[in-house]
């Protein structure tokens, strides 16, 4: 069955193209069965090709969102268009070992010459970016604590000399 879809989707040329991509990509049919996953996707999720192909793509999602994803997938196929998945929400994927990790997903509709609708998902693991965002927030909290509790007056200005911030000590000093 999977090979039939690959033939419909222009056979080896599509498989070769996806495998040459640096980004994790997979193609699924309307029923959510994975029909093709490139090497970066297999590595990202920890599966061998034979373990993932012809399986429901919901195995790549945390259990709490799997059921809801089925409806979202069906909705995509009623109005297929290229788009980011989950706009305004944090998305997570599930590794084969059961760990969840943050992702960004872009969806692109495909249609075979025979009119069979498919979807290609491009997935980015954004774990490092999320860790950097958390570290930056923690650094900002520490910096704000130092700024606000300093005994000496602190005034920060921009490059034009406009006051941006003053601490409590500066407020007391200057009234």
N, C-alpha and C. Protein backbone atom coordinates (compact mmCIF):
# COMPACT_ATOMS: atom_id res chain seq x y z
N UNK A 1 0.81 -1.19 0.00
CA UNK A 1 0.00 0.00 0.00
C UNK A 1 0.86 1.26 0.00
N UNK A 2 1.90 1.27 0.83
CA UNK A 2 2.78 2.43 0.90
C UNK A 2 3.49 2.63 -0.43
N UNK A 3 3.97 1.56 -1.02
CA UNK A 3 4.66 1.67 -2.31
C UNK A 3 3.73 2.23 -3.38
N UNK A 4 2.46 1.89 -3.30
CA UNK A 4 1.49 2.41 -4.26
C UNK A 4 1.43 3.93 -4.15
N UNK A 5 1.42 4.45 -2.92
CA UNK A 5 1.41 5.90 -2.75
C UNK A 5 2.69 6.52 -3.27
N UNK A 6 3.80 5.87 -3.02
CA UNK A 6 5.05 6.41 -3.53
C UNK A 6 5.04 6.48 -5.05
N UNK A 7 4.49 5.47 -5.69
CA UNK A 7 4.38 5.50 -7.15
C UNK A 7 3.46 6.62 -7.59
N UNK A 8 2.35 6.79 -6.88
CA UNK A 8 1.42 7.87 -7.20
C UNK A 8 2.11 9.22 -7.04
N UNK A 9 2.93 9.36 -6.05
CA UNK A 9 3.61 10.63 -5.75
C UNK A 9 4.92 10.77 -6.53
N UNK A 10 4.95 10.23 -7.72
CA UNK A 10 6.10 10.31 -8.62
C UNK A 10 7.29 9.47 -8.18
N UNK A 11 7.06 8.46 -7.42
CA UNK A 11 8.05 7.43 -7.13
C UNK A 11 9.33 7.91 -6.50
N UNK A 12 10.42 7.39 -6.97
CA UNK A 12 11.74 7.62 -6.37
C UNK A 12 12.16 9.08 -6.38
N UNK A 13 11.72 9.88 -7.34
CA UNK A 13 12.14 11.28 -7.39
C UNK A 13 11.74 12.02 -6.12
N UNK A 14 10.54 11.81 -5.64
CA UNK A 14 10.08 12.46 -4.43
C UNK A 14 10.87 11.97 -3.23
N UNK A 15 11.08 10.68 -3.12
CA UNK A 15 11.84 10.11 -2.01
C UNK A 15 13.26 10.67 -2.01
N UNK A 16 13.87 10.74 -3.17
CA UNK A 16 15.23 11.27 -3.29
C UNK A 16 15.27 12.74 -2.88
N UNK A 17 14.29 13.52 -3.31
CA UNK A 17 14.25 14.93 -2.98
C UNK A 17 14.12 15.15 -1.47
N UNK A 18 13.21 14.43 -0.83
CA UNK A 18 13.03 14.59 0.61
C UNK A 18 14.26 14.13 1.38
N UNK A 19 14.87 13.05 0.96
CA UNK A 19 16.06 12.57 1.67
C UNK A 19 17.24 13.52 1.51
N UNK A 20 17.24 14.34 0.48
CA UNK A 20 18.33 15.29 0.31
C UNK A 20 18.13 16.55 1.15
N UNK A 21 16.94 16.72 1.73
CA UNK A 21 16.65 17.90 2.54
C UNK A 21 17.29 17.78 3.92
N UNK A 22 17.71 18.92 4.46
CA UNK A 22 18.28 18.95 5.80
C UNK A 22 17.20 18.96 6.88
N UNK A 23 16.02 19.45 6.53
CA UNK A 23 14.91 19.52 7.48
C UNK A 23 14.17 18.20 7.56
N UNK A 24 13.59 17.93 8.73
CA UNK A 24 12.77 16.73 8.91
C UNK A 24 11.47 16.94 8.15
N UNK A 25 11.14 15.98 7.28
CA UNK A 25 9.93 16.07 6.47
C UNK A 25 9.27 14.71 6.40
N UNK A 26 7.94 14.75 6.43
CA UNK A 26 7.21 13.51 6.20
C UNK A 26 5.96 13.82 5.40
N UNK A 27 5.46 12.81 4.74
CA UNK A 27 4.25 12.92 3.93
C UNK A 27 3.25 11.92 4.47
N UNK A 28 2.01 12.39 4.63
CA UNK A 28 0.94 11.54 5.13
C UNK A 28 -0.27 11.64 4.21
N UNK A 29 -1.10 10.62 4.26
CA UNK A 29 -2.32 10.64 3.46
C UNK A 29 -3.47 11.21 4.30
N UNK A 30 -4.64 11.27 3.71
CA UNK A 30 -5.83 11.84 4.36
C UNK A 30 -6.16 11.11 5.67
N UNK A 31 -5.88 9.81 5.72
CA UNK A 31 -6.16 9.03 6.93
C UNK A 31 -5.07 9.17 7.99
N UNK A 32 -4.03 9.93 7.69
CA UNK A 32 -2.98 10.17 8.66
C UNK A 32 -1.90 9.11 8.69
N UNK A 33 -1.86 8.25 7.69
CA UNK A 33 -0.80 7.25 7.63
C UNK A 33 0.45 7.89 7.02
N UNK A 34 1.57 7.65 7.65
CA UNK A 34 2.84 8.15 7.13
C UNK A 34 3.20 7.32 5.91
N UNK A 35 3.39 7.99 4.78
CA UNK A 35 3.75 7.26 3.57
C UNK A 35 5.21 7.48 3.19
N UNK A 36 5.80 8.52 3.76
CA UNK A 36 7.20 8.78 3.48
C UNK A 36 7.76 9.65 4.61
N UNK A 37 8.92 9.31 5.09
CA UNK A 37 9.63 10.11 6.11
C UNK A 37 11.09 10.13 5.71
N UNK A 38 11.67 11.33 5.65
CA UNK A 38 13.07 11.40 5.26
C UNK A 38 13.99 11.07 6.44
N UNK A 39 15.26 10.96 6.14
CA UNK A 39 16.25 10.58 7.16
C UNK A 39 16.26 11.53 8.36
N UNK A 40 16.24 12.86 8.14
CA UNK A 40 16.22 13.75 9.31
C UNK A 40 14.98 13.54 10.19
N UNK A 41 13.83 13.22 9.60
CA UNK A 41 12.62 12.96 10.40
C UNK A 41 12.78 11.67 11.19
N UNK A 42 13.31 10.65 10.56
CA UNK A 42 13.52 9.37 11.25
C UNK A 42 14.48 9.56 12.43
N UNK A 43 15.52 10.34 12.21
CA UNK A 43 16.49 10.60 13.28
C UNK A 43 15.85 11.42 14.40
N UNK A 44 15.09 12.45 14.04
CA UNK A 44 14.45 13.32 15.03
C UNK A 44 13.52 12.53 15.95
N UNK A 45 12.77 11.61 15.36
CA UNK A 45 11.77 10.86 16.14
C UNK A 45 12.29 9.52 16.66
N UNK A 46 13.46 9.09 16.20
CA UNK A 46 14.06 7.86 16.71
C UNK A 46 13.49 6.58 16.13
N UNK A 47 12.91 6.66 14.96
CA UNK A 47 12.33 5.48 14.32
C UNK A 47 13.15 5.03 13.13
N UNK A 48 13.08 3.75 12.83
CA UNK A 48 13.57 3.24 11.55
C UNK A 48 12.42 3.39 10.57
N UNK A 49 12.72 3.48 9.31
CA UNK A 49 11.69 3.69 8.29
C UNK A 49 10.57 2.65 8.38
N UNK A 50 10.93 1.39 8.52
CA UNK A 50 9.92 0.33 8.55
C UNK A 50 9.03 0.39 9.79
N UNK A 51 9.48 1.10 10.84
CA UNK A 51 8.67 1.25 12.04
C UNK A 51 7.66 2.38 11.93
N UNK A 52 7.90 3.30 11.01
CA UNK A 52 7.07 4.50 10.91
C UNK A 52 6.15 4.48 9.70
N UNK A 53 6.63 3.97 8.59
CA UNK A 53 5.85 3.98 7.36
C UNK A 53 4.58 3.14 7.53
N UNK A 54 3.48 3.70 7.05
CA UNK A 54 2.14 3.10 7.09
C UNK A 54 1.54 3.08 8.49
N UNK A 55 2.17 3.80 9.43
CA UNK A 55 1.63 3.94 10.79
C UNK A 55 0.94 5.30 10.90
N UNK A 56 0.01 5.45 11.82
CA UNK A 56 -0.64 6.76 12.00
C UNK A 56 0.36 7.80 12.50
N UNK A 57 0.34 8.97 11.89
CA UNK A 57 1.31 9.99 12.31
C UNK A 57 1.06 10.46 13.72
N UNK A 58 -0.10 10.16 14.29
CA UNK A 58 -0.37 10.55 15.67
C UNK A 58 0.57 9.88 16.67
N UNK A 59 1.27 8.83 16.28
CA UNK A 59 2.25 8.23 17.20
C UNK A 59 3.41 9.20 17.45
N UNK A 60 3.52 10.23 16.62
CA UNK A 60 4.58 11.22 16.77
C UNK A 60 4.15 12.38 17.66
N UNK A 61 2.96 12.27 18.26
CA UNK A 61 2.42 13.34 19.09
C UNK A 61 2.27 12.88 20.53
N UNK A 62 2.32 13.80 21.48
CA UNK A 62 2.03 13.42 22.87
C UNK A 62 0.62 12.83 22.96
N UNK A 63 0.45 11.85 23.82
CA UNK A 63 -0.83 11.16 23.93
C UNK A 63 -2.00 12.10 24.20
N UNK A 64 -1.79 13.15 24.97
CA UNK A 64 -2.87 14.07 25.34
C UNK A 64 -3.49 14.79 24.14
N UNK A 65 -2.76 14.91 23.03
CA UNK A 65 -3.28 15.66 21.88
C UNK A 65 -3.60 14.79 20.68
N UNK A 66 -3.37 13.51 20.77
CA UNK A 66 -3.57 12.62 19.63
C UNK A 66 -5.00 12.64 19.11
N UNK A 67 -5.96 12.49 20.00
CA UNK A 67 -7.36 12.42 19.58
C UNK A 67 -7.80 13.71 18.89
N UNK A 68 -7.44 14.84 19.48
CA UNK A 68 -7.79 16.12 18.89
C UNK A 68 -7.12 16.37 17.55
N UNK A 69 -5.95 15.77 17.36
CA UNK A 69 -5.23 15.97 16.11
C UNK A 69 -5.97 15.34 14.93
N UNK A 70 -6.66 14.26 15.17
CA UNK A 70 -7.41 13.59 14.10
C UNK A 70 -8.40 14.57 13.48
N UNK A 71 -9.12 15.32 14.29
CA UNK A 71 -10.08 16.31 13.78
C UNK A 71 -9.37 17.44 13.04
N UNK A 72 -8.24 17.89 13.58
CA UNK A 72 -7.47 18.96 12.93
C UNK A 72 -6.95 18.50 11.57
N UNK A 73 -6.52 17.26 11.50
CA UNK A 73 -6.05 16.71 10.23
C UNK A 73 -7.17 16.68 9.21
N UNK A 74 -8.35 16.23 9.63
CA UNK A 74 -9.50 16.19 8.73
C UNK A 74 -9.84 17.59 8.24
N UNK A 75 -9.76 18.57 9.14
CA UNK A 75 -10.04 19.96 8.78
C UNK A 75 -9.04 20.46 7.74
N UNK A 76 -7.77 20.09 7.89
CA UNK A 76 -6.76 20.51 6.93
C UNK A 76 -7.14 20.06 5.52
N UNK A 77 -7.60 18.83 5.39
CA UNK A 77 -7.92 18.31 4.07
C UNK A 77 -9.19 18.90 3.48
N UNK A 78 -10.04 19.54 4.30
CA UNK A 78 -11.21 20.22 3.73
C UNK A 78 -10.83 21.55 3.11
N UNK A 79 -9.79 22.19 3.63
CA UNK A 79 -9.29 23.45 3.08
C UNK A 79 -7.77 23.43 3.06
N UNK A 80 -7.19 22.61 2.19
CA UNK A 80 -5.73 22.49 2.18
C UNK A 80 -5.05 23.76 1.66
N UNK A 81 -4.11 24.25 2.45
CA UNK A 81 -3.30 25.40 2.03
C UNK A 81 -2.00 25.36 2.82
N UNK A 82 -0.93 25.88 2.25
CA UNK A 82 0.34 25.91 2.99
C UNK A 82 0.18 26.80 4.22
N UNK A 83 0.61 26.30 5.37
CA UNK A 83 0.47 27.09 6.59
C UNK A 83 1.30 26.50 7.72
N UNK A 84 1.53 27.35 8.70
CA UNK A 84 2.16 26.88 9.93
C UNK A 84 1.08 26.18 10.74
N UNK A 85 1.46 25.13 11.39
CA UNK A 85 0.51 24.39 12.22
C UNK A 85 0.50 24.96 13.62
N UNK A 86 -0.69 25.07 14.20
CA UNK A 86 -0.81 25.49 15.60
C UNK A 86 -0.45 26.93 15.86
N UNK A 87 -0.79 27.83 14.97
CA UNK A 87 -0.46 29.24 15.17
C UNK A 87 -0.94 29.72 16.54
N UNK A 88 -0.04 30.35 17.27
CA UNK A 88 -0.37 30.88 18.58
C UNK A 88 -0.34 29.85 19.71
N UNK A 89 0.00 28.61 19.39
CA UNK A 89 0.07 27.57 20.42
C UNK A 89 1.45 26.95 20.41
N UNK A 90 1.84 26.42 21.55
CA UNK A 90 3.09 25.67 21.62
C UNK A 90 2.80 24.24 21.19
N UNK A 91 3.59 23.73 20.28
CA UNK A 91 3.41 22.37 19.78
C UNK A 91 4.52 21.48 20.31
N UNK A 92 4.16 20.24 20.56
CA UNK A 92 5.14 19.26 21.02
C UNK A 92 5.01 18.00 20.19
N UNK A 93 6.12 17.33 20.02
CA UNK A 93 6.16 16.03 19.34
C UNK A 93 6.67 15.00 20.34
N UNK A 94 6.51 13.74 19.98
CA UNK A 94 6.94 12.66 20.87
C UNK A 94 7.97 11.79 20.17
N UNK A 95 9.10 11.65 20.84
CA UNK A 95 10.17 10.77 20.37
C UNK A 95 9.76 9.32 20.64
N UNK A 96 10.35 8.42 19.92
CA UNK A 96 10.06 6.99 20.10
C UNK A 96 10.27 6.54 21.55
N UNK A 97 11.23 7.17 22.24
CA UNK A 97 11.51 6.79 23.63
C UNK A 97 10.49 7.36 24.63
N UNK A 98 9.50 8.11 24.13
CA UNK A 98 8.45 8.64 24.99
C UNK A 98 8.66 10.05 25.48
N UNK A 99 9.81 10.66 25.16
CA UNK A 99 10.04 12.04 25.58
C UNK A 99 9.38 13.00 24.59
N UNK A 100 8.83 14.07 25.13
CA UNK A 100 8.21 15.10 24.32
C UNK A 100 9.20 16.23 24.11
N UNK A 101 9.12 16.90 22.95
CA UNK A 101 10.00 18.02 22.67
C UNK A 101 9.25 19.06 21.86
N UNK A 102 9.59 20.36 22.03
CA UNK A 102 8.87 21.42 21.32
C UNK A 102 9.24 21.45 19.84
N UNK A 103 8.25 21.72 19.01
CA UNK A 103 8.47 21.74 17.56
C UNK A 103 7.71 22.89 16.92
N UNK A 104 8.14 23.23 15.73
CA UNK A 104 7.38 24.07 14.81
C UNK A 104 7.12 23.21 13.60
N UNK A 105 5.90 23.29 13.07
CA UNK A 105 5.51 22.45 11.95
C UNK A 105 4.88 23.31 10.88
N UNK A 106 5.32 23.12 9.65
CA UNK A 106 4.70 23.75 8.49
C UNK A 106 4.05 22.66 7.66
N UNK A 107 2.85 22.94 7.19
CA UNK A 107 2.11 21.98 6.38
C UNK A 107 1.99 22.48 4.95
N UNK A 108 2.17 21.58 4.01
CA UNK A 108 2.01 21.90 2.59
C UNK A 108 1.17 20.82 1.94
N UNK A 109 0.07 21.22 1.31
CA UNK A 109 -0.75 20.21 0.63
C UNK A 109 -0.07 19.74 -0.65
N UNK A 110 -0.22 18.47 -0.92
CA UNK A 110 0.26 17.87 -2.16
C UNK A 110 -0.91 17.16 -2.80
N UNK A 111 -0.87 17.05 -4.10
CA UNK A 111 -1.88 16.26 -4.78
C UNK A 111 -1.19 15.51 -5.91
N UNK A 112 -1.46 14.23 -5.98
CA UNK A 112 -0.84 13.42 -7.01
C UNK A 112 -1.52 13.67 -8.34
N UNK A 113 -0.92 13.19 -9.40
CA UNK A 113 -1.52 13.32 -10.72
C UNK A 113 -2.89 12.68 -10.78
N UNK A 114 -3.12 11.68 -9.93
CA UNK A 114 -4.41 10.99 -9.89
C UNK A 114 -5.40 11.70 -8.97
N UNK A 115 -5.00 12.82 -8.37
CA UNK A 115 -5.90 13.59 -7.52
C UNK A 115 -5.95 13.14 -6.07
N UNK A 116 -5.03 12.27 -5.66
CA UNK A 116 -5.00 11.82 -4.27
C UNK A 116 -4.38 12.92 -3.41
N UNK A 117 -5.13 13.42 -2.42
CA UNK A 117 -4.58 14.48 -1.56
C UNK A 117 -3.62 13.91 -0.51
N UNK A 118 -2.52 14.61 -0.33
CA UNK A 118 -1.51 14.26 0.67
C UNK A 118 -1.11 15.55 1.38
N UNK A 119 -0.40 15.40 2.47
CA UNK A 119 0.15 16.57 3.16
C UNK A 119 1.61 16.30 3.48
N UNK A 120 2.43 17.32 3.27
CA UNK A 120 3.83 17.24 3.65
C UNK A 120 4.03 18.13 4.86
N UNK A 121 4.61 17.57 5.90
CA UNK A 121 4.91 18.32 7.12
C UNK A 121 6.42 18.51 7.21
N UNK A 122 6.83 19.74 7.44
CA UNK A 122 8.23 20.06 7.70
C UNK A 122 8.31 20.39 9.19
N UNK A 123 9.17 19.66 9.89
CA UNK A 123 9.21 19.75 11.35
C UNK A 123 10.57 20.25 11.81
N UNK A 124 10.55 21.21 12.72
CA UNK A 124 11.78 21.72 13.33
C UNK A 124 11.72 21.49 14.82
N UNK A 125 12.75 20.87 15.36
CA UNK A 125 12.90 20.71 16.80
C UNK A 125 13.43 22.03 17.33
N UNK A 126 12.66 22.68 18.18
CA UNK A 126 13.05 24.00 18.68
C UNK A 126 13.47 23.95 20.15
N UNK A 127 13.92 22.79 20.59
CA UNK A 127 14.35 22.62 21.98
C UNK A 127 15.41 23.64 22.37
N UNK A 128 16.44 23.79 21.56
CA UNK A 128 17.54 24.72 21.90
C UNK A 128 17.05 26.16 21.97
N UNK A 129 16.18 26.53 21.04
CA UNK A 129 15.65 27.89 21.06
C UNK A 129 14.83 28.13 22.32
N UNK A 130 14.00 27.16 22.71
CA UNK A 130 13.19 27.29 23.93
C UNK A 130 14.09 27.38 25.16
N UNK A 131 15.16 26.59 25.19
CA UNK A 131 16.09 26.66 26.31
C UNK A 131 16.76 28.03 26.38
N UNK A 132 17.12 28.58 25.22
CA UNK A 132 17.73 29.91 25.18
C UNK A 132 16.74 30.98 25.64
N UNK A 133 15.47 30.86 25.25
CA UNK A 133 14.44 31.81 25.68
C UNK A 133 14.27 31.77 27.20
N UNK A 134 14.26 30.57 27.76
CA UNK A 134 14.12 30.42 29.22
C UNK A 134 15.32 31.03 29.93
N UNK A 135 16.52 30.75 29.40
CA UNK A 135 17.73 31.31 30.01
C UNK A 135 17.72 32.83 29.94
N UNK A 136 17.26 33.39 28.84
CA UNK A 136 17.18 34.84 28.69
C UNK A 136 16.17 35.43 29.68
N UNK A 137 15.03 34.78 29.83
CA UNK A 137 14.02 35.25 30.80
C UNK A 137 14.57 35.21 32.22
N UNK A 138 15.26 34.11 32.56
CA UNK A 138 15.84 33.99 33.90
C UNK A 138 16.90 35.06 34.13
N UNK A 139 17.69 35.35 33.11
CA UNK A 139 18.71 36.39 33.20
C UNK A 139 18.06 37.76 33.40
N UNK A 140 16.99 38.00 32.69
CA UNK A 140 16.26 39.28 32.82
C UNK A 140 15.70 39.42 34.23
N UNK A 141 15.16 38.35 34.79
CA UNK A 141 14.63 38.39 36.16
C UNK A 141 15.74 38.70 37.15
N UNK A 142 16.90 38.05 36.98
CA UNK A 142 18.03 38.31 37.88
C UNK A 142 18.51 39.76 37.75
N UNK A 143 18.61 40.23 36.50
CA UNK A 143 19.07 41.59 36.25
C UNK A 143 18.09 42.61 36.84
N UNK A 144 16.81 42.35 36.69
CA UNK A 144 15.79 43.25 37.23
C UNK A 144 15.88 43.27 38.77
N UNK A 145 16.12 42.12 39.39
CA UNK A 145 16.24 42.05 40.85
C UNK A 145 17.44 42.87 41.32
N UNK A 146 18.57 42.74 40.63
CA UNK A 146 19.76 43.52 40.98
C UNK A 146 19.48 45.01 40.80
N UNK A 147 18.88 45.36 39.68
CA UNK A 147 18.57 46.75 39.35
C UNK A 147 17.65 47.36 40.40
N UNK A 148 16.58 46.62 40.74
CA UNK A 148 15.57 47.16 41.66
C UNK A 148 16.04 47.21 43.11
N UNK A 149 16.97 46.34 43.49
CA UNK A 149 17.39 46.30 44.90
C UNK A 149 18.72 46.98 45.16
N UNK A 150 19.33 47.55 44.12
CA UNK A 150 20.62 48.23 44.30
C UNK A 150 20.46 49.43 45.24
N UNK A 151 21.44 49.64 46.09
CA UNK A 151 21.44 50.75 47.04
C UNK A 151 21.72 52.06 46.29
N UNK A 152 22.53 51.98 45.27
CA UNK A 152 22.88 53.17 44.49
C UNK A 152 21.82 53.45 43.43
N UNK A 153 21.68 54.71 43.08
CA UNK A 153 20.74 55.12 42.04
C UNK A 153 21.25 54.63 40.68
N UNK A 154 20.36 54.06 39.91
CA UNK A 154 20.71 53.60 38.57
C UNK A 154 19.70 54.19 37.59
N UNK A 155 20.24 54.81 36.54
CA UNK A 155 19.41 55.37 35.47
C UNK A 155 19.93 54.81 34.16
N UNK A 156 19.05 54.26 33.37
CA UNK A 156 19.47 53.79 32.05
C UNK A 156 18.86 54.71 31.00
N UNK A 157 19.69 55.01 29.99
CA UNK A 157 19.25 55.89 28.91
C UNK A 157 19.52 55.21 27.58
N UNK A 158 18.80 55.64 26.55
CA UNK A 158 19.04 55.11 25.21
C UNK A 158 20.12 55.93 24.52
N UNK A 159 20.41 55.62 23.28
CA UNK A 159 21.49 56.30 22.55
C UNK A 159 21.20 57.78 22.31
N UNK A 160 19.93 58.21 22.41
CA UNK A 160 19.58 59.62 22.24
C UNK A 160 19.57 60.37 23.57
N UNK A 161 19.88 59.67 24.66
CA UNK A 161 19.91 60.32 25.97
C UNK A 161 18.56 60.35 26.67
N UNK A 162 17.59 59.62 26.15
CA UNK A 162 16.26 59.56 26.76
C UNK A 162 16.27 58.50 27.86
N UNK A 163 15.75 58.88 29.02
CA UNK A 163 15.72 57.95 30.15
C UNK A 163 14.77 56.80 29.82
N UNK A 164 15.30 55.58 29.97
CA UNK A 164 14.49 54.39 29.74
C UNK A 164 13.96 53.81 31.05
N UNK A 165 14.82 53.75 32.07
CA UNK A 165 14.45 53.14 33.34
C UNK A 165 15.24 53.77 34.48
N UNK A 166 14.61 53.83 35.63
CA UNK A 166 15.32 54.22 36.85
C UNK A 166 14.92 53.25 37.94
N UNK A 167 15.83 53.05 38.88
CA UNK A 167 15.51 52.13 39.98
C UNK A 167 14.93 52.92 41.15
N UNK A 168 14.53 52.19 42.21
CA UNK A 168 13.91 52.81 43.38
C UNK A 168 14.85 53.80 44.06
N UNK A 169 16.13 53.45 44.11
CA UNK A 169 17.10 54.36 44.73
C UNK A 169 17.17 55.68 43.98
N UNK A 170 17.09 55.64 42.66
CA UNK A 170 17.09 56.87 41.85
C UNK A 170 15.82 57.67 42.08
N UNK A 171 14.69 57.00 42.24
CA UNK A 171 13.44 57.68 42.52
C UNK A 171 13.54 58.43 43.84
N UNK A 172 14.11 57.77 44.86
CA UNK A 172 14.25 58.42 46.16
C UNK A 172 15.21 59.60 46.08
N UNK A 173 16.31 59.43 45.34
CA UNK A 173 17.32 60.47 45.21
C UNK A 173 16.79 61.71 44.48
N UNK A 174 16.08 61.47 43.38
CA UNK A 174 15.64 62.59 42.54
C UNK A 174 14.19 62.99 42.79
N UNK A 175 13.49 62.23 43.59
CA UNK A 175 12.12 62.55 43.92
C UNK A 175 11.21 62.22 42.76
